[in-house]
N, C-alpha and C. Protein backbone atom coordinates (compact mmCIF):
# COMPACT_ATOMS: atom_id res chain seq x y z
N MET A 1 37.10 -33.30 211.14
CA MET A 1 36.98 -33.33 212.58
C MET A 1 37.55 -32.01 213.12
N PRO A 2 36.78 -31.28 213.96
CA PRO A 2 37.31 -30.03 214.48
C PRO A 2 38.41 -30.30 215.49
N GLU A 3 39.48 -29.56 215.33
CA GLU A 3 40.62 -29.71 216.24
C GLU A 3 40.38 -28.89 217.50
N ASN A 4 40.82 -29.41 218.63
CA ASN A 4 40.76 -28.65 219.87
C ASN A 4 41.85 -27.59 219.85
N THR A 5 41.56 -26.44 220.38
CA THR A 5 42.60 -25.41 220.49
C THR A 5 43.49 -25.77 221.67
N GLN A 6 44.67 -25.20 221.69
CA GLN A 6 45.61 -25.48 222.78
C GLN A 6 45.02 -25.04 224.12
N GLN A 7 44.24 -23.96 224.14
CA GLN A 7 43.63 -23.49 225.38
C GLN A 7 42.62 -24.52 225.91
N GLU A 8 41.85 -25.16 225.01
CA GLU A 8 40.89 -26.18 225.45
C GLU A 8 41.61 -27.39 226.01
N VAL A 9 42.72 -27.79 225.38
CA VAL A 9 43.50 -28.92 225.86
C VAL A 9 44.06 -28.62 227.25
N ASP A 10 44.66 -27.43 227.41
CA ASP A 10 45.22 -27.05 228.70
C ASP A 10 44.14 -26.99 229.78
N ALA A 11 42.97 -26.45 229.45
CA ALA A 11 41.88 -26.36 230.42
C ALA A 11 41.39 -27.74 230.84
N ALA A 12 41.29 -28.68 229.89
CA ALA A 12 40.86 -30.04 230.22
C ALA A 12 41.87 -30.73 231.11
N VAL A 13 43.16 -30.55 230.82
CA VAL A 13 44.22 -31.17 231.63
C VAL A 13 44.20 -30.60 233.04
N ILE A 14 44.08 -29.29 233.17
CA ILE A 14 44.07 -28.66 234.50
C ILE A 14 42.87 -29.13 235.30
N ALA A 15 41.70 -29.23 234.67
CA ALA A 15 40.49 -29.68 235.38
C ALA A 15 40.63 -31.11 235.88
N LEU A 16 41.18 -32.00 235.04
CA LEU A 16 41.34 -33.40 235.44
C LEU A 16 42.38 -33.53 236.55
N LYS A 17 43.50 -32.82 236.43
CA LYS A 17 44.54 -32.90 237.46
C LYS A 17 44.03 -32.34 238.78
N ASP A 18 43.28 -31.25 238.73
CA ASP A 18 42.76 -30.64 239.95
C ASP A 18 41.82 -31.59 240.67
N ALA A 19 40.97 -32.29 239.92
CA ALA A 19 40.03 -33.22 240.54
C ALA A 19 40.75 -34.36 241.24
N HIS A 20 41.84 -34.85 240.66
CA HIS A 20 42.56 -35.96 241.26
C HIS A 20 43.48 -35.52 242.40
N GLN A 21 43.98 -34.30 242.36
CA GLN A 21 44.86 -33.83 243.43
C GLN A 21 44.09 -33.61 244.73
N LYS A 22 42.81 -33.31 244.64
CA LYS A 22 42.01 -33.11 245.84
C LYS A 22 41.83 -34.39 246.63
N SER A 23 42.03 -35.56 245.99
CA SER A 23 41.85 -36.83 246.68
C SER A 23 43.10 -37.26 247.45
N GLU A 24 44.23 -36.55 247.29
CA GLU A 24 45.45 -36.90 248.02
C GLU A 24 45.33 -36.54 249.48
N GLY A 25 46.05 -37.25 250.33
CA GLY A 25 46.03 -36.96 251.75
C GLY A 25 47.26 -37.50 252.43
N TYR A 26 47.26 -37.44 253.75
CA TYR A 26 48.37 -37.93 254.56
C TYR A 26 47.84 -38.97 255.54
N ARG A 27 48.73 -39.89 255.93
CA ARG A 27 48.35 -40.91 256.91
C ARG A 27 49.36 -40.90 258.04
N GLU A 28 48.92 -41.34 259.21
CA GLU A 28 49.79 -41.43 260.38
C GLU A 28 50.72 -42.62 260.22
N ALA A 29 52.02 -42.39 260.34
CA ALA A 29 52.99 -43.47 260.26
C ALA A 29 53.47 -43.88 261.65
N GLY A 30 52.99 -43.19 262.67
CA GLY A 30 53.40 -43.49 264.04
C GLY A 30 54.46 -42.52 264.51
N GLY A 31 54.45 -42.23 265.81
CA GLY A 31 55.43 -41.31 266.38
C GLY A 31 55.23 -39.88 265.93
N GLY A 32 54.02 -39.52 265.58
CA GLY A 32 53.75 -38.16 265.14
C GLY A 32 54.19 -37.85 263.72
N VAL A 33 54.59 -38.89 262.97
CA VAL A 33 55.06 -38.68 261.60
C VAL A 33 53.89 -38.92 260.65
N LYS A 34 53.71 -37.97 259.75
CA LYS A 34 52.68 -38.12 258.73
C LYS A 34 53.35 -38.36 257.39
N VAL A 35 52.87 -39.35 256.68
CA VAL A 35 53.42 -39.73 255.39
C VAL A 35 52.38 -39.46 254.32
N LYS A 36 52.82 -38.85 253.23
CA LYS A 36 51.91 -38.57 252.12
C LYS A 36 51.51 -39.89 251.48
N GLN A 37 50.21 -40.07 251.29
CA GLN A 37 49.74 -41.30 250.65
C GLN A 37 50.13 -41.27 249.18
N VAL A 38 50.76 -42.35 248.77
CA VAL A 38 51.17 -42.44 247.37
C VAL A 38 50.04 -43.07 246.59
N ILE A 39 49.56 -42.35 245.64
CA ILE A 39 48.47 -42.83 244.80
C ILE A 39 49.05 -43.02 243.40
N GLU A 40 48.79 -44.19 242.84
CA GLU A 40 49.26 -44.44 241.48
C GLU A 40 48.60 -43.43 240.54
N ALA A 41 49.37 -42.99 239.57
CA ALA A 41 48.84 -41.98 238.64
C ALA A 41 47.58 -42.51 237.98
N PRO A 42 46.48 -41.80 238.11
CA PRO A 42 45.25 -42.26 237.48
C PRO A 42 45.39 -42.22 235.96
N ARG A 43 44.63 -43.06 235.32
CA ARG A 43 44.70 -43.15 233.87
C ARG A 43 43.46 -42.55 233.23
N VAL A 44 43.65 -41.98 232.07
CA VAL A 44 42.58 -41.32 231.33
C VAL A 44 42.52 -41.95 229.95
N THR A 45 41.32 -42.04 229.39
CA THR A 45 41.14 -42.62 228.06
C THR A 45 41.33 -41.54 226.99
N VAL A 46 42.15 -41.88 225.98
CA VAL A 46 42.31 -41.02 224.81
C VAL A 46 42.02 -41.87 223.58
N TRP A 47 41.69 -41.21 222.47
CA TRP A 47 41.34 -41.90 221.23
C TRP A 47 42.28 -41.50 220.12
N ASP A 48 42.56 -42.45 219.20
CA ASP A 48 43.36 -42.10 218.03
C ASP A 48 42.41 -41.87 216.85
N ARG A 49 42.97 -41.61 215.66
CA ARG A 49 42.14 -41.27 214.49
C ARG A 49 41.23 -42.43 214.05
N GLN A 50 41.63 -43.68 214.32
CA GLN A 50 40.82 -44.82 213.92
C GLN A 50 39.74 -45.15 214.95
N GLY A 51 39.72 -44.44 216.08
CA GLY A 51 38.72 -44.70 217.11
C GLY A 51 39.16 -45.67 218.17
N ARG A 52 40.42 -46.13 218.13
CA ARG A 52 40.93 -47.05 219.15
C ARG A 52 41.25 -46.26 220.41
N THR A 53 41.05 -46.89 221.55
CA THR A 53 41.30 -46.21 222.82
C THR A 53 42.62 -46.64 223.42
N SER A 54 43.17 -45.76 224.23
CA SER A 54 44.37 -46.04 225.01
C SER A 54 44.16 -45.44 226.38
N ARG A 55 44.65 -46.12 227.40
CA ARG A 55 44.59 -45.60 228.77
C ARG A 55 45.97 -45.05 229.09
N VAL A 56 46.08 -43.74 229.23
CA VAL A 56 47.37 -43.10 229.47
C VAL A 56 47.37 -42.49 230.87
N PRO A 57 48.54 -42.42 231.52
CA PRO A 57 48.59 -41.79 232.85
C PRO A 57 48.20 -40.32 232.75
N LEU A 58 47.54 -39.85 233.77
CA LEU A 58 47.11 -38.46 233.80
C LEU A 58 48.30 -37.51 233.71
N THR A 59 49.42 -37.93 234.27
CA THR A 59 50.61 -37.08 234.25
C THR A 59 51.17 -36.91 232.85
N ALA A 60 50.83 -37.82 231.92
CA ALA A 60 51.32 -37.73 230.54
C ALA A 60 50.22 -37.31 229.57
N LEU A 61 49.11 -36.82 230.08
CA LEU A 61 47.99 -36.48 229.23
C LEU A 61 48.32 -35.34 228.26
N THR A 62 48.99 -34.32 228.76
CA THR A 62 49.35 -33.19 227.90
C THR A 62 50.23 -33.65 226.75
N TYR A 63 51.19 -34.52 227.05
CA TYR A 63 52.08 -35.05 226.00
C TYR A 63 51.26 -35.76 224.92
N HIS A 64 50.32 -36.63 225.34
CA HIS A 64 49.55 -37.40 224.36
C HIS A 64 48.62 -36.52 223.55
N LEU A 65 47.99 -35.53 224.18
CA LEU A 65 47.03 -34.70 223.44
C LEU A 65 47.71 -33.70 222.50
N THR A 66 49.00 -33.44 222.70
CA THR A 66 49.71 -32.52 221.81
C THR A 66 50.66 -33.24 220.86
N LYS A 67 50.70 -34.56 220.92
CA LYS A 67 51.58 -35.36 220.05
C LYS A 67 51.09 -35.27 218.60
N THR A 68 52.04 -35.10 217.66
CA THR A 68 51.70 -35.02 216.25
C THR A 68 52.49 -36.04 215.45
N ASP A 69 51.97 -36.40 214.28
CA ASP A 69 52.70 -37.32 213.41
C ASP A 69 53.64 -36.52 212.50
N HIS A 70 54.25 -37.19 211.50
CA HIS A 70 55.21 -36.54 210.61
C HIS A 70 54.58 -35.42 209.77
N ASP A 71 53.27 -35.53 209.51
CA ASP A 71 52.58 -34.53 208.70
C ASP A 71 52.03 -33.37 209.54
N GLY A 72 52.21 -33.42 210.85
CA GLY A 72 51.72 -32.36 211.71
C GLY A 72 50.29 -32.56 212.20
N ASN A 73 49.68 -33.72 211.93
CA ASN A 73 48.32 -34.01 212.40
C ASN A 73 48.39 -34.59 213.82
N ARG A 74 47.39 -34.22 214.63
CA ARG A 74 47.35 -34.76 215.99
C ARG A 74 47.13 -36.26 215.96
N VAL A 75 47.73 -36.96 216.93
CA VAL A 75 47.63 -38.41 217.00
C VAL A 75 46.50 -38.83 217.94
N PHE A 76 46.40 -38.20 219.11
CA PHE A 76 45.40 -38.57 220.11
C PHE A 76 44.43 -37.43 220.37
N PHE A 77 43.20 -37.81 220.76
CA PHE A 77 42.14 -36.85 221.03
C PHE A 77 41.47 -37.20 222.36
N ASP A 78 40.84 -36.17 222.97
CA ASP A 78 40.20 -36.40 224.27
C ASP A 78 38.77 -36.95 224.14
N ARG A 79 38.26 -37.04 222.92
CA ARG A 79 36.95 -37.65 222.68
C ARG A 79 37.02 -38.43 221.37
N PRO A 80 36.12 -39.40 221.17
CA PRO A 80 36.19 -40.21 219.94
C PRO A 80 35.99 -39.34 218.70
N PRO A 81 36.68 -39.66 217.61
CA PRO A 81 36.47 -38.92 216.37
C PRO A 81 35.02 -39.06 215.89
N GLU A 82 34.51 -38.00 215.28
CA GLU A 82 33.12 -38.01 214.82
C GLU A 82 32.94 -39.04 213.70
N GLY A 83 31.85 -39.76 213.76
CA GLY A 83 31.54 -40.74 212.73
C GLY A 83 32.26 -42.06 212.90
N MET A 84 33.07 -42.21 213.92
CA MET A 84 33.81 -43.45 214.14
C MET A 84 33.04 -44.32 215.13
N SER A 85 32.89 -45.59 214.79
CA SER A 85 32.32 -46.52 215.75
C SER A 85 33.48 -47.26 216.40
N LEU A 86 33.37 -47.44 217.70
CA LEU A 86 34.45 -48.09 218.43
C LEU A 86 34.54 -49.56 218.02
N PRO A 87 35.75 -50.11 217.89
CA PRO A 87 35.89 -51.50 217.49
C PRO A 87 35.37 -52.44 218.57
N GLU A 88 34.84 -53.58 218.14
CA GLU A 88 34.30 -54.57 219.07
C GLU A 88 35.36 -55.61 219.36
N PRO A 89 35.57 -55.94 220.65
CA PRO A 89 36.55 -56.98 220.97
C PRO A 89 36.04 -58.36 220.57
N ILE A 90 36.96 -59.26 220.27
CA ILE A 90 36.60 -60.63 219.92
C ILE A 90 36.39 -61.42 221.21
N GLU A 91 35.79 -62.58 221.10
CA GLU A 91 35.49 -63.42 222.27
C GLU A 91 36.70 -64.29 222.60
N ARG A 92 37.83 -63.69 222.86
CA ARG A 92 39.04 -64.44 223.17
C ARG A 92 39.66 -63.83 224.41
N THR A 93 40.05 -64.63 225.38
CA THR A 93 40.71 -64.12 226.57
C THR A 93 42.01 -64.87 226.79
N CYS A 94 42.91 -64.22 227.47
CA CYS A 94 44.19 -64.86 227.81
C CYS A 94 43.98 -65.65 229.09
N GLU A 95 44.01 -66.96 228.99
CA GLU A 95 43.77 -67.83 230.14
C GLU A 95 44.93 -67.79 231.14
N ILE A 96 46.07 -67.25 230.75
CA ILE A 96 47.22 -67.15 231.65
C ILE A 96 47.13 -65.87 232.47
N CYS A 97 46.70 -64.79 231.85
CA CYS A 97 46.57 -63.50 232.56
C CYS A 97 45.34 -63.46 233.46
N LEU A 98 44.29 -64.18 233.10
CA LEU A 98 43.02 -64.10 233.81
C LEU A 98 43.14 -64.46 235.30
N PRO A 99 43.83 -65.55 235.68
CA PRO A 99 43.96 -65.85 237.12
C PRO A 99 44.75 -64.79 237.89
N LYS A 100 45.55 -64.01 237.19
CA LYS A 100 46.33 -62.95 237.83
C LYS A 100 45.53 -61.67 237.98
N GLY A 101 44.28 -61.68 237.54
CA GLY A 101 43.42 -60.53 237.68
C GLY A 101 43.48 -59.56 236.51
N VAL A 102 44.10 -59.95 235.41
CA VAL A 102 44.22 -59.07 234.25
C VAL A 102 43.26 -59.58 233.17
N ARG A 103 42.30 -58.76 232.81
CA ARG A 103 41.36 -59.13 231.75
C ARG A 103 41.70 -58.28 230.54
N LYS A 104 42.41 -58.88 229.59
CA LYS A 104 42.86 -58.19 228.39
C LYS A 104 41.82 -58.41 227.30
N LEU A 105 41.47 -57.33 226.60
CA LEU A 105 40.56 -57.42 225.46
C LEU A 105 41.36 -57.47 224.18
N PHE A 106 40.96 -58.35 223.27
CA PHE A 106 41.63 -58.47 221.98
C PHE A 106 40.63 -58.11 220.89
N TYR A 107 41.10 -57.32 219.92
CA TYR A 107 40.23 -56.86 218.85
C TYR A 107 40.40 -57.66 217.57
N SER A 108 41.38 -58.58 217.54
CA SER A 108 41.57 -59.46 216.39
C SER A 108 42.43 -60.64 216.83
N GLU A 109 42.44 -61.68 216.01
CA GLU A 109 43.30 -62.84 216.30
C GLU A 109 44.78 -62.42 216.25
N TYR A 110 45.08 -61.44 215.41
CA TYR A 110 46.45 -60.94 215.31
C TYR A 110 46.89 -60.33 216.64
N ASP A 111 46.00 -59.56 217.29
CA ASP A 111 46.30 -59.00 218.61
C ASP A 111 46.53 -60.10 219.63
N TYR A 112 45.67 -61.13 219.59
CA TYR A 112 45.79 -62.23 220.55
C TYR A 112 47.10 -62.99 220.35
N ASP A 113 47.43 -63.32 219.09
CA ASP A 113 48.67 -64.03 218.81
C ASP A 113 49.88 -63.20 219.21
N GLY A 114 49.83 -61.88 218.98
CA GLY A 114 50.93 -61.01 219.38
C GLY A 114 51.11 -60.97 220.87
N HIS A 115 50.02 -60.91 221.62
CA HIS A 115 50.09 -60.89 223.09
C HIS A 115 50.68 -62.20 223.60
N MET A 116 50.16 -63.31 223.08
CA MET A 116 50.64 -64.62 223.55
C MET A 116 52.11 -64.82 223.18
N GLY A 117 52.50 -64.43 221.97
CA GLY A 117 53.89 -64.59 221.55
C GLY A 117 54.84 -63.72 222.33
N ALA A 118 54.40 -62.53 222.74
CA ALA A 118 55.28 -61.61 223.46
C ALA A 118 55.35 -61.91 224.95
N PHE A 119 54.20 -62.22 225.57
CA PHE A 119 54.16 -62.37 227.02
C PHE A 119 54.19 -63.82 227.51
N HIS A 120 53.73 -64.75 226.69
CA HIS A 120 53.67 -66.16 227.10
C HIS A 120 54.17 -67.06 225.97
N PRO A 121 55.41 -66.91 225.51
CA PRO A 121 55.84 -67.67 224.32
C PRO A 121 55.86 -69.18 224.54
N ARG A 122 56.29 -69.63 225.73
CA ARG A 122 56.37 -71.07 225.98
C ARG A 122 54.98 -71.70 225.98
N GLU A 123 54.06 -71.10 226.72
CA GLU A 123 52.70 -71.62 226.81
C GLU A 123 52.01 -71.57 225.44
N PHE A 124 52.29 -70.51 224.68
CA PHE A 124 51.68 -70.35 223.35
C PHE A 124 52.17 -71.45 222.41
N ALA A 125 53.46 -71.79 222.48
CA ALA A 125 54.00 -72.86 221.63
C ALA A 125 53.36 -74.20 221.98
N ILE A 126 53.21 -74.47 223.27
CA ILE A 126 52.58 -75.72 223.69
C ILE A 126 51.13 -75.77 223.23
N MET A 127 50.43 -74.65 223.37
CA MET A 127 49.03 -74.58 222.97
C MET A 127 48.88 -74.83 221.46
N ARG A 128 49.77 -74.23 220.65
CA ARG A 128 49.70 -74.44 219.20
C ARG A 128 49.98 -75.89 218.84
N GLU A 129 50.93 -76.53 219.54
CA GLU A 129 51.21 -77.95 219.27
C GLU A 129 50.00 -78.81 219.57
N ARG A 130 49.34 -78.53 220.70
CA ARG A 130 48.15 -79.31 221.08
C ARG A 130 47.02 -79.11 220.07
N GLU A 131 46.84 -77.87 219.62
CA GLU A 131 45.79 -77.61 218.62
C GLU A 131 46.08 -78.32 217.31
N ALA A 132 47.36 -78.32 216.92
CA ALA A 132 47.72 -79.00 215.68
C ALA A 132 47.52 -80.51 215.80
N ALA A 133 47.87 -81.07 216.94
CA ALA A 133 47.70 -82.51 217.15
C ALA A 133 46.22 -82.87 217.20
N ALA A 134 45.41 -82.04 217.81
CA ALA A 134 43.97 -82.32 217.88
C ALA A 134 43.30 -82.20 216.52
N SER A 135 43.75 -81.24 215.71
CA SER A 135 43.13 -81.04 214.41
C SER A 135 43.54 -82.10 213.39
N ASN A 136 44.67 -82.71 213.60
CA ASN A 136 45.15 -83.72 212.65
C ASN A 136 45.45 -85.00 213.40
N SER A 137 44.44 -85.80 213.62
CA SER A 137 44.61 -87.02 214.41
C SER A 137 45.44 -88.07 213.69
N ILE A 138 45.60 -87.98 212.38
CA ILE A 138 46.41 -88.96 211.65
C ILE A 138 47.87 -88.86 212.09
N ILE A 139 48.37 -87.63 212.25
CA ILE A 139 49.76 -87.46 212.66
C ILE A 139 49.98 -88.04 214.05
N GLY A 140 49.02 -87.86 214.95
CA GLY A 140 49.14 -88.42 216.30
C GLY A 140 49.19 -89.93 216.27
N SER A 141 48.45 -90.55 215.37
CA SER A 141 48.47 -92.01 215.31
C SER A 141 49.74 -92.52 214.63
N VAL A 142 50.36 -91.72 213.77
CA VAL A 142 51.59 -92.13 213.09
C VAL A 142 52.72 -92.30 214.10
N VAL A 143 52.75 -91.47 215.13
CA VAL A 143 53.82 -91.55 216.13
C VAL A 143 53.79 -92.90 216.84
N ARG A 144 52.60 -93.46 217.05
CA ARG A 144 52.47 -94.73 217.78
C ARG A 144 52.58 -95.96 216.87
N MET A 145 52.74 -95.79 215.57
CA MET A 145 52.80 -96.92 214.64
C MET A 145 54.21 -97.51 214.61
N ASN A 146 54.26 -98.79 214.28
CA ASN A 146 55.58 -99.38 214.04
C ASN A 146 56.01 -99.04 212.61
N PRO A 147 57.28 -99.23 212.27
CA PRO A 147 57.77 -98.80 210.94
C PRO A 147 57.01 -99.39 209.76
N GLU A 148 56.59 -100.66 209.84
CA GLU A 148 55.88 -101.27 208.72
C GLU A 148 54.51 -100.59 208.50
N GLU A 149 53.79 -100.33 209.60
CA GLU A 149 52.49 -99.67 209.48
C GLU A 149 52.65 -98.25 208.93
N ARG A 150 53.68 -97.55 209.37
CA ARG A 150 53.91 -96.18 208.92
C ARG A 150 54.21 -96.16 207.42
N ASN A 151 55.03 -97.10 206.94
CA ASN A 151 55.35 -97.16 205.51
C ASN A 151 54.10 -97.48 204.69
N ALA A 152 53.23 -98.35 205.23
CA ALA A 152 51.99 -98.68 204.53
C ALA A 152 51.10 -97.44 204.46
N LEU A 153 51.04 -96.66 205.55
CA LEU A 153 50.24 -95.44 205.55
C LEU A 153 50.80 -94.41 204.57
N LYS A 154 52.13 -94.29 204.50
CA LYS A 154 52.75 -93.36 203.56
C LYS A 154 52.39 -93.72 202.12
N ALA A 155 52.46 -95.01 201.83
CA ALA A 155 52.13 -95.45 200.48
C ALA A 155 50.65 -95.20 200.17
N LEU A 156 49.79 -95.42 201.18
CA LEU A 156 48.36 -95.22 200.99
C LEU A 156 48.02 -93.75 200.77
N LEU A 157 48.64 -92.88 201.55
CA LEU A 157 48.36 -91.45 201.43
C LEU A 157 49.15 -90.78 200.32
N GLY A 158 50.22 -91.43 199.87
CA GLY A 158 51.04 -90.85 198.82
C GLY A 158 51.83 -89.64 199.31
N THR A 159 52.24 -89.70 200.56
CA THR A 159 52.95 -88.56 201.15
C THR A 159 54.37 -88.95 201.55
N GLU A 160 55.01 -89.72 200.74
CA GLU A 160 56.35 -90.17 201.10
C GLU A 160 57.32 -89.02 201.23
N LYS A 161 57.19 -87.98 200.42
CA LYS A 161 58.14 -86.88 200.44
C LYS A 161 57.55 -85.59 201.01
N SER A 162 56.29 -85.62 201.44
CA SER A 162 55.65 -84.37 201.85
C SER A 162 56.21 -83.78 203.13
N GLY A 163 56.73 -84.59 203.99
CA GLY A 163 57.29 -84.07 205.24
C GLY A 163 56.29 -84.09 206.37
N THR A 164 55.00 -84.18 206.08
CA THR A 164 54.00 -84.17 207.14
C THR A 164 54.12 -85.41 208.00
N VAL A 165 54.12 -86.58 207.37
CA VAL A 165 54.21 -87.82 208.11
C VAL A 165 55.63 -88.03 208.60
N GLU A 166 56.61 -87.63 207.80
CA GLU A 166 58.00 -87.81 208.17
C GLU A 166 58.34 -87.03 209.44
N ALA A 167 57.78 -85.82 209.57
CA ALA A 167 58.11 -84.97 210.71
C ALA A 167 57.45 -85.46 211.99
N ALA A 168 56.46 -86.34 211.88
CA ALA A 168 55.72 -86.76 213.05
C ALA A 168 56.53 -87.70 213.94
N ALA A 169 57.45 -88.49 213.38
CA ALA A 169 58.18 -89.46 214.19
C ALA A 169 59.59 -89.64 213.65
N TYR A 170 60.50 -89.92 214.57
CA TYR A 170 61.88 -90.20 214.24
C TYR A 170 62.20 -91.57 214.83
N PRO A 171 62.21 -92.62 213.99
CA PRO A 171 62.38 -93.97 214.53
C PRO A 171 63.85 -94.28 214.83
N CYS A 172 64.03 -95.11 215.85
CA CYS A 172 65.35 -95.62 216.20
C CYS A 172 65.40 -97.08 215.73
N ASP A 173 66.59 -97.65 215.60
CA ASP A 173 66.73 -99.05 215.18
C ASP A 173 66.10 -100.01 216.17
N CYS A 174 66.05 -99.60 217.45
CA CYS A 174 65.49 -100.47 218.49
C CYS A 174 63.97 -100.46 218.51
N GLY A 175 63.31 -99.60 217.71
CA GLY A 175 61.86 -99.54 217.67
C GLY A 175 61.29 -98.33 218.40
N PHE A 176 62.13 -97.56 219.07
CA PHE A 176 61.68 -96.36 219.78
C PHE A 176 61.29 -95.28 218.77
N GLN A 177 60.22 -94.55 219.06
CA GLN A 177 59.75 -93.49 218.18
C GLN A 177 59.94 -92.14 218.89
N ALA A 178 60.88 -91.32 218.44
CA ALA A 178 61.08 -89.98 219.01
C ALA A 178 60.20 -88.98 218.28
N LYS A 179 59.81 -87.93 218.98
CA LYS A 179 58.96 -86.91 218.37
C LYS A 179 59.77 -85.85 217.64
N SER A 180 61.07 -85.78 217.91
CA SER A 180 61.91 -84.79 217.24
C SER A 180 63.29 -85.39 217.00
N ALA A 181 64.07 -84.73 216.15
CA ALA A 181 65.43 -85.19 215.88
C ALA A 181 66.28 -85.11 217.14
N PHE A 182 66.06 -84.05 217.93
CA PHE A 182 66.80 -83.90 219.17
C PHE A 182 66.45 -85.03 220.15
N GLY A 183 65.17 -85.38 220.22
CA GLY A 183 64.75 -86.48 221.10
C GLY A 183 65.38 -87.80 220.69
N LEU A 184 65.50 -88.02 219.38
CA LEU A 184 66.14 -89.24 218.89
C LEU A 184 67.62 -89.26 219.26
N LYS A 185 68.28 -88.09 219.14
CA LYS A 185 69.69 -87.99 219.49
C LYS A 185 69.92 -88.29 220.97
N VAL A 186 69.05 -87.73 221.84
CA VAL A 186 69.15 -87.98 223.28
C VAL A 186 68.94 -89.46 223.58
N HIS A 187 67.95 -90.07 222.95
CA HIS A 187 67.67 -91.49 223.15
C HIS A 187 68.88 -92.35 222.75
N GLN A 188 69.47 -92.04 221.60
CA GLN A 188 70.61 -92.82 221.14
C GLN A 188 71.82 -92.67 222.05
N LYS A 189 72.03 -91.47 222.62
CA LYS A 189 73.15 -91.28 223.54
C LYS A 189 72.93 -92.03 224.83
N LYS A 190 71.69 -92.06 225.32
CA LYS A 190 71.39 -92.76 226.57
C LYS A 190 71.57 -94.26 226.45
N HIS A 191 71.17 -94.82 225.33
CA HIS A 191 71.18 -96.28 225.16
C HIS A 191 72.39 -96.79 224.39
N LYS A 192 73.36 -95.93 224.18
CA LYS A 192 74.57 -96.34 223.48
C LYS A 192 75.47 -97.09 224.47
N LYS A 193 75.94 -98.27 224.10
CA LYS A 193 76.78 -99.06 225.00
C LYS A 193 78.07 -99.45 224.36
């Protein structure tokens, strides 16, 4: 891939900055006072060696285009690398960000899980629990069984020690079925006389 010379990088940065600076202006604030309109720094697309894009502020464009790795190779470019096809996003959207007007594109399930775990950990945990319960309806029915039925199911499935059925319910002596050890502890403290 041909490298851009420093003069080409500087010329591209100057041209982009000049185009955006012409759009700035002033507005009347009242009483003869003019206030400079604050415009958020426009963003420009840059590409890395794998063809992935990033939107960087125009004010930091020079930094990104001159950034190098440990071996001295450039990290970002002002156009896609030759022979690289841009990655296709997967058909997954963040249902929490969408109502807020943010449409995030994910290029793999790993990206989606990372976004959900970092920005929406509580909702992501609830969503995973619901998916697990929906995919394994036997565990959901075990929670509602009485102890005799549950023991019969364990014997039938041969999962007495597997932990799958055991983790689904925590029975109390009174017949109450807690979903977790903590829930059982809370129940026992409430009904202790």
